C-alpha cells in the first residue's frame, strides 16, 4: 500500500494559512460595530434610571411613576452616552456655599427648594439630582466615584535674573553658608580655601586656609561665633570667627566628608560622608555622640529640625532616612527615589521638605514622611543643589548648568535658565554645586564649576502680563 507523500510545511507557513482563512471568513464585517439594538438601549436606560432613583422612590411623597418617567425623559434627552458625567458647578450652587469646591453634597445637608432636589448616599457613591442642566448626561452620575480635589493653581512669581558674578576662587566652588546676621557669606572651594564675602557688595573680606582637600560643607552657627567646615580630607573643623582660626577638629570619618549641618536648638553638629555614616558631634567636647549607620552608600545630604525626626539624611543608595537623635536609630526609610539623593531642602515655614535626584524631584510631608507629589517636570540632569525661600520659590541647580525655578505649592516649573560660564572656561564647566537664599529670600547665591559665585534676584519689571503663567494641570500624576 502506497502512502501519499505530505509536503513538509513549516509552522510559520501553517500559521499564515490559518490567518488567511480566518481573514477571508471575517473580513467583510471586520472593523464594523454591531448594529444598534432598540431593545437593549431601552433595557440599559431603564436600568440606569432604576439605579439612580431606587432610593428616592420610597422617600419622596409623590407617585413613583412620575419620578421615573421624568428621569427617563431626561435620560433619553441626553442620549445613550458612554461618558461618565458629574453635575457641573451650576447644579448644586446652594449646597456648595461654605464648603470645599469639589465636595459632592448628599442627602440631609442639602436645602431642598423643590421636591426633586433630594439625595441619598450608598457606600462611596454620591448622588445629586439636579434640576437645571438637561444638557449633561446625569443618568451615570450615580455610578461615579468621588472625584479627587483639583490640582492647586501655582502662585505667580517674577522670573529671576543674574545681577552679579564674583570671581576669586581658583577651583570649583563647592559649598556655601550665609551668616545669621545676613551681612556676609562664606564659600568653600576645591582650591582648599574658605573665602568670606560681603553680601551687599560682593567684596572679598577674608580668606581662610587649613584644609588640604576641597571643602564640601560649610555652616555658620547662629548661637556662637563659630563656623564649621568639612572636606574631602576627612576633616571637620570649627573656626572661631573672632580669632579667624581653627579651634577644634572632629576626628572620626573614614573618608571624605560631603555634607554638614548644625542643629537649630542644641549644640550638636552633623556630618555625612563617603563612609556611609552620618556622625553626630558634641560641638564643645569634640566627642562623637552617635554614628548614624544604616545607609549602604555615601551620605551626601543632611538637614536638621528642632523636633522629631531631628535628622534627615539622603544618600547615594537612593534612600532618605529619618533618625531618632536620642537613640541614634532609624525612624523611617523613604525608598521613593530611583537615583541617588544628592540634594534636599526644607521649607522654612511649612512642615515639609523636597528631595532631588536625577529621576525626579519629590515633596514629602513632615514629620511622618508621607509622599506628597512629584514636581511636574523633569530636569533630566544630576541635581547637586536646591533651596526654598519663604515665598515658595524653589530652585534646583544641575550638573549641566541648568537652573530651574519651581512653585512650591503646585510643583509647577515657571522658569528654566542656563548659567553662562565665565570667559576662558570650558562649556562643560557649567555646573552648579551649591546654592542658597539669603535670610530675606530675595537674593539667591550659586556656587559653580567655572570657579565663580553668581548672585540672582527677581526681575522688578516683570508682571503677570509680561511673563504669563503657562500652567497646564497634570492629567495623571504619578503617586509614587
Protein backbone atom coordinates (compact mmCIF):
# COMPACT_ATOMS: atom_id res chain seq x y z
CA UNK A 1 0.00 0.00 0.00
CA UNK A 2 1.44 3.33 -1.09
CA UNK A 3 1.48 6.23 1.43
CA UNK A 4 0.88 9.69 -0.04
CA UNK A 5 3.84 11.98 0.49
CA UNK A 6 2.79 15.01 2.53
CA UNK A 7 4.53 18.26 1.60
CA UNK A 8 6.65 19.33 4.60
CA UNK A 9 5.39 22.72 5.79
CA UNK A 10 6.92 24.98 8.41
CA UNK A 11 4.95 26.16 11.40
CA UNK A 12 5.21 29.71 10.11
CA UNK A 13 3.60 28.76 6.77
CA UNK A 14 0.78 26.88 8.51
CA UNK A 15 0.02 29.79 10.83
CA UNK A 16 -0.07 32.20 7.87
CA UNK A 17 -2.52 29.85 6.09
CA UNK A 18 -4.74 29.73 9.17
CA UNK A 19 -4.61 33.54 9.46
CA UNK A 20 -5.56 33.94 5.80
CA UNK A 21 -8.55 31.63 6.17
CA UNK A 22 -9.71 33.50 9.25
CA UNK A 23 -9.43 36.84 7.45
CA UNK A 24 -11.32 35.53 4.43
CA UNK A 25 -14.05 34.32 6.75
CA UNK A 26 -14.47 37.52 8.77
CA UNK A 27 -13.11 40.34 6.60
CA UNK A 28 -16.46 41.61 5.19
CA UNK A 29 -17.58 42.73 8.68
CA UNK A 30 -14.12 43.37 10.07
CA UNK A 31 -13.92 46.70 11.97
CA UNK A 32 -17.70 47.31 11.96
CA UNK A 33 -19.66 47.66 15.19
CA UNK A 34 -22.79 45.62 15.74
CA UNK A 35 -25.96 47.47 14.65
CA UNK A 36 -27.69 49.35 17.50
CA UNK A 37 -30.48 47.39 19.10
CA UNK A 38 -33.52 49.38 20.29
CA UNK A 39 -34.49 46.79 22.95
CA UNK A 40 -31.05 46.69 24.55
CA UNK A 41 -30.94 50.52 24.61
CA UNK A 42 -34.29 50.58 26.41
CA UNK A 43 -33.11 47.99 28.95
CA UNK A 44 -29.88 49.89 29.57
CA UNK A 45 -31.65 53.22 30.17
CA UNK A 46 -34.27 51.69 32.43
CA UNK A 47 -31.54 50.00 34.48
CA UNK A 48 -29.66 53.30 34.91
CA UNK A 49 -32.87 55.06 35.92
CA UNK A 50 -33.70 52.39 38.49
CA UNK A 51 -30.15 52.57 39.92
CA UNK A 52 -30.32 56.34 40.26
CA UNK A 53 -33.84 56.68 41.62
CA UNK A 54 -34.38 53.43 43.53
CA UNK A 55 -33.81 55.06 46.94
CA UNK A 56 -35.73 58.20 46.12
CA UNK A 57 -38.93 56.46 45.04
CA UNK A 58 -39.66 55.39 48.60
CA UNK A 59 -38.66 58.69 50.29
CA UNK A 60 -40.37 61.34 48.13
CA UNK A 61 -44.12 61.84 48.73
CA UNK A 62 -45.22 61.69 45.14
CA UNK A 63 -46.20 58.94 42.71
CA UNK A 64 -43.10 56.91 41.87
CA UNK A 65 -44.28 56.67 38.27
CA UNK A 66 -43.89 60.44 37.86
CA UNK A 67 -40.27 60.42 39.11
CA UNK A 68 -39.19 57.56 36.90
CA UNK A 69 -40.94 58.94 33.81
CA UNK A 70 -39.30 62.34 34.32
CA UNK A 71 -35.94 60.70 34.76
CA UNK A 72 -36.49 58.56 31.67
CA UNK A 73 -37.29 61.66 29.60
CA UNK A 74 -34.13 63.33 30.87
CA UNK A 75 -32.02 60.26 30.19
CA UNK A 76 -33.44 59.95 26.67
CA UNK A 77 -32.70 63.63 26.02
CA UNK A 78 -29.09 63.03 26.94
CA UNK A 79 -28.90 60.00 24.66
CA UNK A 80 -27.02 56.75 25.16
CA UNK A 81 -23.65 58.16 26.08
CA UNK A 82 -20.74 56.19 27.42
CA UNK A 83 -19.17 59.26 29.00
CA UNK A 84 -19.35 59.38 32.79
CA UNK A 85 -20.57 62.86 33.71
CA UNK A 86 -20.67 64.69 37.01
CA UNK A 87 -23.09 67.51 37.79
CA UNK A 88 -21.44 70.81 36.97
CA UNK A 89 -20.73 73.67 39.34
CA UNK A 90 -24.06 75.26 38.50
CA UNK A 91 -26.08 72.24 39.53
CA UNK A 92 -25.69 72.48 43.26
CA UNK A 93 -24.90 76.12 43.96
CA UNK A 94 -26.91 76.16 47.17
CA UNK A 95 -25.11 73.20 48.57
CA UNK A 96 -21.62 74.47 47.88
CA UNK A 97 -21.68 77.62 49.99
CA UNK A 98 -19.06 77.41 52.72
CA UNK A 99 -17.85 74.02 51.54
CA UNK A 100 -14.81 72.84 49.67
CA UNK A 101 -15.05 73.45 45.97
CA UNK A 102 -15.28 69.87 44.82
CA UNK A 103 -17.32 68.20 47.58
CA UNK A 104 -20.30 66.25 46.32
CA UNK A 105 -23.13 67.04 48.73
CA UNK A 106 -25.73 64.46 49.59
CA UNK A 107 -28.99 63.99 51.45
CA UNK A 108 -29.92 65.90 54.58
CA UNK A 109 -27.17 68.55 54.29
CA UNK A 110 -28.81 69.94 51.15
CA UNK A 111 -31.54 72.57 51.42
CA UNK A 112 -34.40 71.22 49.32
CA UNK A 113 -36.04 74.03 47.43
CA UNK A 114 -38.06 71.84 45.07
CA UNK A 115 -39.44 68.35 45.66
CA UNK A 116 -36.97 66.93 43.11
CA UNK A 117 -33.79 68.12 44.88
CA UNK A 118 -33.23 65.19 47.17
CA UNK A 119 -30.17 62.98 47.61
CA UNK A 120 -29.18 59.72 49.19
CA UNK A 121 -25.87 58.05 49.81
CA UNK A 122 -24.91 54.42 49.50
CA UNK A 123 -21.37 53.15 50.02
CA UNK A 124 -18.95 55.63 48.42
CA UNK A 125 -21.07 56.83 45.51
CA UNK A 126 -22.81 60.16 45.85
CA UNK A 127 -26.00 61.25 44.12
CA UNK A 128 -27.28 64.72 43.43
CA UNK A 129 -30.41 65.08 41.40
CA UNK A 130 -30.01 68.39 39.66
CA UNK A 131 -32.96 70.28 38.31
CA UNK A 132 -31.21 72.73 35.99
CA UNK A 133 -28.89 71.04 33.49
CA UNK A 134 -30.57 68.90 30.88
CA UNK A 135 -27.58 69.08 28.54
CA UNK A 136 -25.45 66.87 30.82
CA UNK A 137 -25.89 63.14 30.97
CA UNK A 138 -26.95 62.76 34.58
CA UNK A 139 -28.01 59.15 34.30
CA UNK A 140 -24.50 57.94 35.13
CA UNK A 141 -23.67 60.35 37.95
CA UNK A 142 -24.86 57.74 40.43
CA UNK A 143 -22.15 55.35 39.30
CA UNK A 144 -19.38 57.95 39.53
CA UNK A 145 -16.89 57.65 42.40
CA UNK A 146 -15.97 60.78 44.35
CA UNK A 147 -13.51 62.87 42.32
CA UNK A 148 -10.16 63.88 43.88
CA UNK A 149 -9.62 67.58 44.53
CA UNK A 150 -8.31 69.80 41.76
CA UNK A 151 -4.59 70.39 41.37
CA UNK A 152 -3.64 73.67 43.10
CA UNK A 153 -3.02 76.55 40.74
CA UNK A 154 0.53 77.94 41.06
CA UNK A 155 1.17 81.38 42.51
CA UNK A 156 2.73 83.81 40.03
CA UNK A 157 6.41 84.52 40.73
CA UNK A 158 8.63 87.01 38.95
CA UNK A 159 11.46 85.42 36.93
CA UNK A 160 14.95 85.57 38.44
CA UNK A 161 17.95 87.17 36.76
CA UNK A 162 21.69 87.19 37.35
CA UNK A 163 22.95 90.55 38.62
CA UNK A 164 26.48 89.83 39.88
CA UNK A 165 29.33 87.42 39.15
CA UNK A 166 32.06 87.14 41.79
CA UNK A 167 35.37 85.54 40.86
CA UNK A 168 38.23 84.91 43.25
CA UNK A 169 38.43 81.19 43.87
CA UNK A 170 40.99 79.13 41.94
CA UNK A 171 38.93 75.94 41.86
CA UNK A 172 35.36 74.68 41.73
CA UNK A 173 33.21 76.39 44.35
CA UNK A 174 31.63 73.51 46.26
CA UNK A 175 29.81 74.88 49.34
CA UNK A 176 28.20 77.99 50.76
CA UNK A 177 26.73 79.25 54.05
CA UNK A 178 25.05 82.54 54.98
CA UNK A 179 25.84 84.42 58.17
CA UNK A 180 22.83 84.65 60.58
CA UNK A 181 23.12 88.48 60.59
CA UNK A 182 22.72 88.43 56.78
CA UNK A 183 25.75 90.67 56.21
CA UNK A 184 28.27 88.19 54.79
CA UNK A 185 28.51 84.69 53.37
CA UNK A 186 31.29 82.14 53.10
CA UNK A 187 32.18 79.76 50.28
CA UNK A 188 34.36 76.67 50.27
CA UNK A 189 36.26 75.62 47.19
CA UNK A 190 38.38 72.95 45.55
CA UNK A 191 41.31 75.37 45.90
CA UNK A 192 41.26 74.32 49.61
CA UNK A 193 40.32 77.80 50.88
CA UNK A 194 37.28 79.29 52.56
CA UNK A 195 36.52 82.83 51.45
CA UNK A 196 34.23 85.26 53.26
CA UNK A 197 32.40 87.82 51.11
CA UNK A 198 30.27 90.88 51.82
CA UNK A 199 26.69 90.08 50.87
CA UNK A 200 25.68 93.58 49.77
CA UNK A 201 28.73 94.48 47.67
CA UNK A 202 30.26 91.08 46.85
CA UNK A 203 33.70 92.25 48.07
CA UNK A 204 36.14 89.69 49.49
CA UNK A 205 36.66 90.22 53.24
CA UNK A 206 38.79 87.25 54.30
CA UNK A 207 40.45 84.04 53.09
CA UNK A 208 40.94 81.11 55.48
CA UNK A 209 43.32 78.23 54.79
CA UNK A 210 43.69 74.99 56.69
CA UNK A 211 42.08 72.18 54.72
CA UNK A 212 44.24 70.03 52.47
CA UNK A 213 41.44 68.92 50.12
CA UNK A 214 38.35 70.56 48.65
CA UNK A 215 35.74 71.88 51.09
CA UNK A 216 32.38 70.18 50.62
CA UNK A 217 30.34 71.50 53.56
CA UNK A 218 30.01 74.80 55.46
CA UNK A 219 27.76 76.03 58.27
CA UNK A 220 27.71 79.18 60.41
CA UNK A 221 26.34 78.94 63.93
CA UNK A 222 23.57 81.32 65.00
CA UNK A 223 24.30 80.61 68.70
CA UNK A 224 28.09 81.07 68.75
CA UNK A 225 30.79 82.92 66.81
CA UNK A 226 31.70 79.64 65.13
CA UNK A 227 31.87 78.45 61.56
CA UNK A 228 32.18 74.76 60.66
CA UNK A 229 33.75 73.27 57.58
CA UNK A 230 34.11 69.73 56.22
CA UNK A 231 36.14 68.44 53.31
CA UNK A 232 37.41 65.54 51.25
CA UNK A 233 40.42 65.38 53.61
CA UNK A 234 38.18 63.59 56.22
CA UNK A 235 38.49 66.65 58.46
CA UNK A 236 35.72 68.57 60.17
CA UNK A 237 36.92 71.89 61.59
CA UNK A 238 35.46 74.50 63.91
CA UNK A 239 36.63 78.06 63.21
CA UNK A 240 36.43 80.87 65.76
CA UNK A 241 35.44 83.95 63.75
CA UNK A 242 36.78 86.33 66.41
CA UNK A 243 40.29 84.94 66.01
CA UNK A 244 39.81 83.64 62.41
CA UNK A 245 41.50 80.35 63.20
CA UNK A 246 40.67 76.69 63.79
CA UNK A 247 39.97 75.97 67.46
CA UNK A 248 38.63 72.40 67.20
CA UNK A 249 38.85 69.44 64.86
CA UNK A 250 36.44 66.47 64.89
CA UNK A 251 38.15 63.19 64.01
CA UNK A 252 36.30 60.02 63.11
CA UNK A 253 35.29 59.97 59.46
CA UNK A 254 36.99 57.21 57.48
CA UNK A 255 36.68 59.00 54.14
CA UNK A 256 35.72 62.35 52.60
CA UNK A 257 33.00 64.38 54.37
CA UNK A 258 30.33 65.51 51.90
CA UNK A 259 27.71 67.37 53.92
CA UNK A 260 27.36 69.22 57.17
CA UNK A 261 24.50 70.64 59.22
CA UNK A 262 24.05 72.36 62.59
CA UNK A 263 21.19 71.50 64.91
CA UNK A 264 18.97 74.61 65.38
CA UNK A 265 18.44 74.28 69.15
CA UNK A 266 21.17 72.13 70.72
CA UNK A 267 24.96 72.34 70.35
CA UNK A 268 25.28 69.39 68.01
CA UNK A 269 26.96 69.10 64.62
CA UNK A 270 26.04 66.52 61.95
CA UNK A 271 28.36 65.40 59.17
CA UNK A 272 27.76 62.83 56.44
CA UNK A 273 30.39 61.32 54.24
CA UNK A 274 31.67 58.67 51.89
CA UNK A 275 31.92 56.14 54.71
CA UNK A 276 28.07 55.84 54.53
CA UNK A 277 27.69 57.15 58.09
CA UNK A 278 26.18 60.36 59.43
CA UNK A 279 28.11 61.30 62.56
CA UNK A 280 26.72 63.40 65.41
CA UNK A 281 29.30 65.51 67.29
CA UNK A 282 29.17 67.48 70.51
CA UNK A 283 30.49 70.90 69.45
CA UNK A 284 32.28 71.74 72.70
CA UNK A 285 33.78 68.42 73.76
CA UNK A 286 34.58 67.16 70.20
CA UNK A 287 33.05 63.82 71.24
CA UNK A 288 31.15 61.69 68.73
CA UNK A 289 27.69 61.19 70.26
CA UNK A 290 26.29 58.84 67.60
CA UNK A 291 27.32 57.23 64.37
CA UNK A 292 24.04 57.01 62.44
CA UNK A 293 24.80 53.98 60.31
CA UNK A 294 22.30 52.32 58.00
CA UNK A 295 22.93 53.75 54.56
CA UNK A 296 24.64 51.50 52.01
CA UNK A 297 26.45 54.30 50.22
CA UNK A 298 27.73 57.88 50.56
CA UNK A 299 25.63 60.21 52.71
CA UNK A 300 25.56 63.32 50.52
CA UNK A 301 22.80 65.50 52.01
CA UNK A 302 21.57 66.17 55.53
CA UNK A 303 19.31 68.66 57.29
CA UNK A 304 18.16 69.02 60.90
CA UNK A 305 14.99 70.12 62.66
CA UNK A 306 14.17 71.12 66.24
CA UNK A 307 11.56 68.33 66.58
CA UNK A 308 11.49 64.64 65.63
CA UNK A 309 12.66 63.50 63.17
CA UNK A 310 15.53 65.81 64.11
CA UNK A 311 17.89 64.45 61.44
CA UNK A 312 17.07 63.60 57.80
CA UNK A 313 19.77 62.21 55.51
CA UNK A 314 19.85 61.49 51.77
CA UNK A 315 22.27 59.07 50.22
CA UNK A 316 23.72 57.68 47.00
CA UNK A 317 21.90 54.42 47.89
CA UNK A 318 18.71 56.24 46.69
CA UNK A 319 17.09 56.28 50.15
CA UNK A 320 16.20 59.05 52.58
CA UNK A 321 16.39 58.15 56.26
CA UNK A 322 14.81 59.91 59.21
CA UNK A 323 16.65 59.43 62.50
CA UNK A 324 15.77 59.42 66.17
CA UNK A 325 18.55 61.58 67.58
CA UNK A 326 18.01 60.40 71.14
CA UNK A 327 18.71 56.75 70.44
CA UNK A 328 20.72 57.06 67.21
CA UNK A 329 18.30 54.74 65.40
CA UNK A 330 16.41 54.94 62.10
CA UNK A 331 12.78 56.05 62.48
CA UNK A 332 11.79 55.76 58.82
CA UNK A 333 13.33 54.97 55.43
CA UNK A 334 11.88 56.51 52.26
CA UNK A 335 12.57 54.48 49.12
CA UNK A 336 10.69 56.65 46.61
CA UNK A 337 13.73 57.71 44.57
CA UNK A 338 15.42 55.53 41.98
CA UNK A 339 18.68 57.50 41.80
CA UNK A 340 20.98 58.98 44.44
CA UNK A 341 19.51 61.79 46.55
CA UNK A 342 22.17 64.50 46.25
CA UNK A 343 20.14 67.46 47.49
CA UNK A 344 17.33 68.15 49.95
CA UNK A 345 15.65 71.36 51.03
CA UNK A 346 13.38 72.00 53.97
CA UNK A 347 10.60 74.58 53.60
CA UNK A 348 11.27 77.48 56.04
CA UNK A 349 7.63 77.71 57.18
CA UNK A 350 5.75 74.55 56.24
CA UNK A 351 6.25 71.10 57.74
CA UNK A 352 7.55 69.59 54.51
CA UNK A 353 10.71 69.08 52.51
CA UNK A 354 11.77 68.31 48.96
CA UNK A 355 14.45 65.94 47.75
CA UNK A 356 16.10 65.87 44.36
CA UNK A 357 17.66 63.09 42.37
CA UNK A 358 18.34 62.54 38.68
CA UNK A 359 14.94 60.84 38.18
CA UNK A 360 12.60 63.27 39.90
CA UNK A 361 12.12 65.98 42.49
CA UNK A 362 9.75 64.78 45.19
CA UNK A 363 7.95 66.51 48.01
CA UNK A 364 7.36 64.86 51.39
CA UNK A 365 5.42 65.73 54.49
CA UNK A 366 6.99 66.06 57.92
CA UNK A 367 7.15 64.54 60.48
CA UNK A 368 5.60 61.34 59.08
CA UNK A 369 7.42 61.43 55.73
CA UNK A 370 4.29 60.88 53.62
CA UNK A 371 4.97 61.31 49.90
CA UNK A 372 3.02 64.32 48.59
CA UNK A 373 3.80 64.56 44.87
CA UNK A 374 6.47 64.83 42.22
CA UNK A 375 7.35 68.17 40.70
CA UNK A 376 5.53 68.48 37.39
CA UNK A 377 8.61 68.47 35.12
CA UNK A 378 11.87 66.55 34.98
CA UNK A 379 15.16 68.43 34.85
CA UNK A 380 16.87 65.39 33.25
CA UNK A 381 20.25 66.03 34.90
CA UNK A 382 22.08 65.29 38.14
CA UNK A 383 20.82 67.85 40.67
CA UNK A 384 23.51 68.88 43.16
CA UNK A 385 21.81 71.74 44.95
CA UNK A 386 18.38 73.02 45.89
CA UNK A 387 16.94 75.76 48.08
CA UNK A 388 13.49 77.13 49.02
CA UNK A 389 12.54 80.57 50.29
CA UNK A 390 9.54 81.65 52.37
CA UNK A 391 7.59 82.78 49.30
CA UNK A 392 7.61 79.23 47.99
CA UNK A 393 10.17 79.67 45.20
CA UNK A 394 12.30 76.56 44.96
CA UNK A 395 15.45 76.49 42.86
CA UNK A 396 17.37 73.43 41.70
CA UNK A 397 20.84 73.53 40.17
CA UNK A 398 22.09 70.82 37.84
CA UNK A 399 25.41 69.39 36.70
CA UNK A 400 24.83 70.79 33.21
CA UNK A 401 24.43 74.38 34.46
CA UNK A 402 20.63 74.37 34.27
CA UNK A 403 18.80 76.33 36.96
CA UNK A 404 15.10 75.63 37.28
CA UNK A 405 12.72 77.64 39.41
CA UNK A 406 9.59 75.98 40.82
CA UNK A 407 6.40 77.00 42.60
CA UNK A 408 6.48 75.02 45.86
CA UNK A 409 2.73 74.56 46.31
CA UNK A 410 1.83 73.20 42.90
CA UNK A 411 5.18 71.84 41.69
CA UNK A 412 4.98 73.96 38.53
CA UNK A 413 8.27 74.84 36.85
CA UNK A 414 7.91 78.55 36.00
CA UNK A 415 11.45 79.37 34.80
CA UNK A 416 14.30 77.46 33.21
CA UNK A 417 17.58 79.32 32.95
CA UNK A 418 21.06 78.26 31.95
CA UNK A 419 24.11 79.59 33.71
CA UNK A 420 26.76 81.19 31.47
CA UNK A 421 30.38 80.18 32.11
CA UNK A 422 32.87 82.98 32.68
CA UNK A 423 35.17 83.78 29.74
CA UNK A 424 38.06 81.38 29.46
CA UNK A 425 36.14 78.42 30.89
CA UNK A 426 35.00 75.37 29.01
CA UNK A 427 31.30 74.94 28.30
CA UNK A 428 31.47 71.70 30.27
CA UNK A 429 32.29 73.76 33.35
CA UNK A 430 28.71 74.98 33.50
CA UNK A 431 27.70 73.14 36.67
CA UNK A 432 26.04 74.29 39.88
CA UNK A 433 27.37 72.66 43.06
CA UNK A 434 25.67 74.65 45.82
CA UNK A 435 23.02 77.33 46.18
CA UNK A 436 21.28 79.15 48.98
CA UNK A 437 18.98 82.10 49.57
CA UNK A 438 19.93 84.88 51.93
CA UNK A 439 17.82 85.26 55.08
CA UNK A 440 15.29 87.54 53.36
CA UNK A 441 14.80 85.11 50.48
CA UNK A 442 15.21 87.94 47.95
CA UNK A 443 18.77 87.09 46.87
CA UNK A 444 20.00 83.76 45.58
CA UNK A 445 23.67 82.78 45.53
CA UNK A 446 25.00 79.88 43.44
CA UNK A 447 28.43 78.24 43.53
CA UNK A 448 29.63 76.97 40.20
CA UNK A 449 32.17 74.82 38.38
CA UNK A 450 33.62 77.77 36.44
CA UNK A 451 35.13 78.97 39.78
CA UNK A 452 32.62 81.82 40.13
CA UNK A 453 29.88 82.72 42.57
CA UNK A 454 26.78 84.16 40.93
CA UNK A 455 24.08 86.24 42.62
CA UNK A 456 20.48 86.36 41.42
CA UNK A 457 17.41 88.45 42.18
CA UNK A 458 13.84 88.75 40.97
CA UNK A 459 13.19 90.90 37.90
CA UNK A 460 11.49 94.05 39.28
CA UNK A 461 9.97 94.98 35.92
CA UNK A 462 8.23 91.66 35.35
CA UNK A 463 4.45 91.48 35.73
CA UNK A 464 1.94 88.65 35.22
CA UNK A 465 1.16 90.29 31.86
CA UNK A 466 4.76 90.34 30.59
CA UNK A 467 5.53 86.85 31.92
CA UNK A 468 2.21 84.99 31.95
CA UNK A 469 1.82 81.75 33.87
CA UNK A 470 1.90 78.90 31.39
CA UNK A 471 0.35 76.23 33.59
CA UNK A 472 -1.44 73.11 32.48
CA UNK A 473 -2.63 70.89 35.34
CA UNK A 474 -1.39 67.30 35.14
CA UNK A 475 -3.81 64.72 33.76
CA UNK A 476 -2.30 61.77 35.58
CA UNK A 477 0.00 62.44 38.49
CA UNK A 478 2.37 59.65 39.50
CA UNK A 479 1.60 58.69 43.08
CA UNK A 480 4.98 57.16 43.90
